[in-house]
Protein backbone atom coordinates (compact mmCIF):
# COMPACT_ATOMS: atom_id res chain seq x y z
CA UNK A 1 99.75 9.36 106.50
CA UNK A 2 101.73 10.31 103.72
CA UNK A 3 99.90 13.62 102.86
CA UNK A 4 100.79 14.66 106.24
CA UNK A 5 104.84 14.27 105.71
CA UNK A 6 104.31 16.01 102.46
CA UNK A 7 102.63 19.14 104.36
CA UNK A 8 105.76 18.41 107.14
CA UNK A 9 108.04 18.65 104.44
CA UNK A 10 106.71 21.57 102.83
CA UNK A 11 105.91 23.49 105.98
CA UNK A 12 109.96 23.07 106.98
CA UNK A 13 111.28 23.76 103.31
CA UNK A 14 109.32 27.26 103.96
CA UNK A 15 110.41 28.03 107.38
CA UNK A 16 113.82 27.43 106.08
CA UNK A 17 113.16 29.59 103.20
CA UNK A 18 111.71 32.59 105.30
CA UNK A 19 114.86 31.91 107.64
CA UNK A 20 117.27 32.41 104.55
CA UNK A 21 115.38 35.60 103.70
CA UNK A 22 115.23 36.77 107.38
CA UNK A 23 119.28 36.82 107.19
CA UNK A 24 119.59 38.45 103.61
CA UNK A 25 117.30 41.19 105.01
CA UNK A 26 119.25 41.52 108.39
CA UNK A 27 122.31 41.91 106.28
CA UNK A 28 120.88 44.50 104.34
CA UNK A 29 119.65 46.34 107.05
CA UNK A 30 122.82 46.68 108.67
CA UNK A 31 125.04 47.51 105.38
CA UNK A 32 122.18 50.18 105.31
CA UNK A 33 122.89 51.48 109.12
CA UNK A 34 126.61 51.53 108.23
CA UNK A 35 126.64 53.99 105.08
CA UNK A 36 123.85 55.86 106.70
CA UNK A 37 125.45 56.41 110.15
CA UNK A 38 127.31 60.02 109.31
CA UNK A 39 124.27 61.31 107.76
CA UNK A 40 121.74 60.20 110.50
CA UNK A 41 122.78 58.40 113.09
CA UNK A 42 118.76 58.00 114.60
CA UNK A 43 117.96 56.04 110.99
CA UNK A 44 120.66 54.12 111.28
CA UNK A 45 119.20 53.17 114.88
CA UNK A 46 115.77 52.69 113.34
CA UNK A 47 117.68 50.10 111.00
CA UNK A 48 119.11 48.24 113.78
CA UNK A 49 115.87 48.13 115.49
CA UNK A 50 114.17 46.68 112.49
CA UNK A 51 117.13 44.28 111.89
CA UNK A 52 116.03 42.87 115.37
CA UNK A 53 112.82 42.30 114.66
CA UNK A 54 112.97 40.15 111.85
CA UNK A 55 115.42 38.19 113.40
CA UNK A 56 113.16 37.56 116.62
CA UNK A 57 109.67 36.97 114.26
CA UNK A 58 111.68 34.61 111.79
CA UNK A 59 113.83 32.82 114.64
CA UNK A 60 117.18 33.87 113.26
CA UNK A 61 120.14 34.79 115.75
CA UNK A 62 121.70 37.67 113.97
CA UNK A 63 125.56 36.51 113.41
CA UNK A 64 128.09 37.52 115.97
CA UNK A 65 130.11 39.98 113.59
CA UNK A 66 126.99 41.74 113.64
CA UNK A 67 125.94 41.74 117.19
CA UNK A 68 128.98 43.31 117.95
CA UNK A 69 128.18 46.18 115.93
CA UNK A 70 125.06 47.86 117.91
CA UNK A 71 124.51 48.26 121.35
CA UNK A 72 122.10 45.77 123.18
CA UNK A 73 120.75 48.31 125.52
CA UNK A 74 119.88 50.92 123.36
CA UNK A 75 119.95 49.88 120.24
CA UNK A 76 122.63 52.41 118.77
CA UNK A 77 124.56 51.57 116.14
CA UNK A 78 128.16 51.20 117.21
CA UNK A 79 131.12 52.52 115.30
CA UNK A 80 134.32 52.84 116.79
CA UNK A 81 135.54 56.20 117.88
CA UNK A 82 132.24 58.10 117.33
CA UNK A 83 129.89 56.03 119.19
CA UNK A 84 131.54 53.61 120.98
CA UNK A 85 134.81 53.18 122.72
CA UNK A 86 137.09 50.16 122.32
CA UNK A 87 139.86 49.12 125.02
CA UNK A 88 141.79 45.69 125.08
CA UNK A 89 142.16 44.36 128.66
CA UNK A 90 145.28 42.36 128.48
CA UNK A 91 145.22 40.93 132.07
CA UNK A 92 141.67 39.65 131.63
CA UNK A 93 142.02 38.85 128.10
CA UNK A 94 138.83 40.92 127.00
CA UNK A 95 138.14 42.90 124.31
CA UNK A 96 135.36 45.59 125.87
CA UNK A 97 132.91 47.94 123.67
CA UNK A 98 131.56 50.78 125.30
CA UNK A 99 128.54 52.73 123.70
CA UNK A 100 129.21 56.48 124.56
CA UNK A 101 125.24 56.93 123.89
CA UNK A 102 124.24 55.05 127.45
CA UNK A 103 127.51 54.02 128.77
CA UNK A 104 126.64 50.31 128.60
CA UNK A 105 129.78 47.88 128.04
CA UNK A 106 130.07 44.61 126.61
CA UNK A 107 133.00 42.14 127.05
CA UNK A 108 134.23 39.47 124.39
CA UNK A 109 136.67 37.26 124.82
CA UNK A 110 139.55 36.82 122.67
CA UNK A 111 143.10 34.67 122.52
């Protein structure tokens, strides 16, 4: 019984370590996508794709601040004014971010 508990603890510790590494890699990939966007938008789109795959494989959700930086439909890295349009709907209290590549729009509430 004790050996079984040790295995579970080790497995849990390994899973947490993998998730920490995955979060770090997601942050690095998003920062690289931001840095490379003006040189090569397709490369930044590829970085976003890889970051999403890392998150799915390691069961790590992408932080909200980063979720707002890519289009969920086409996977493009969103830069306000260049690849996205940002509008504020004051009546419904939403921020509307529209991808200029595919036209997909997302709404985020604000107070």
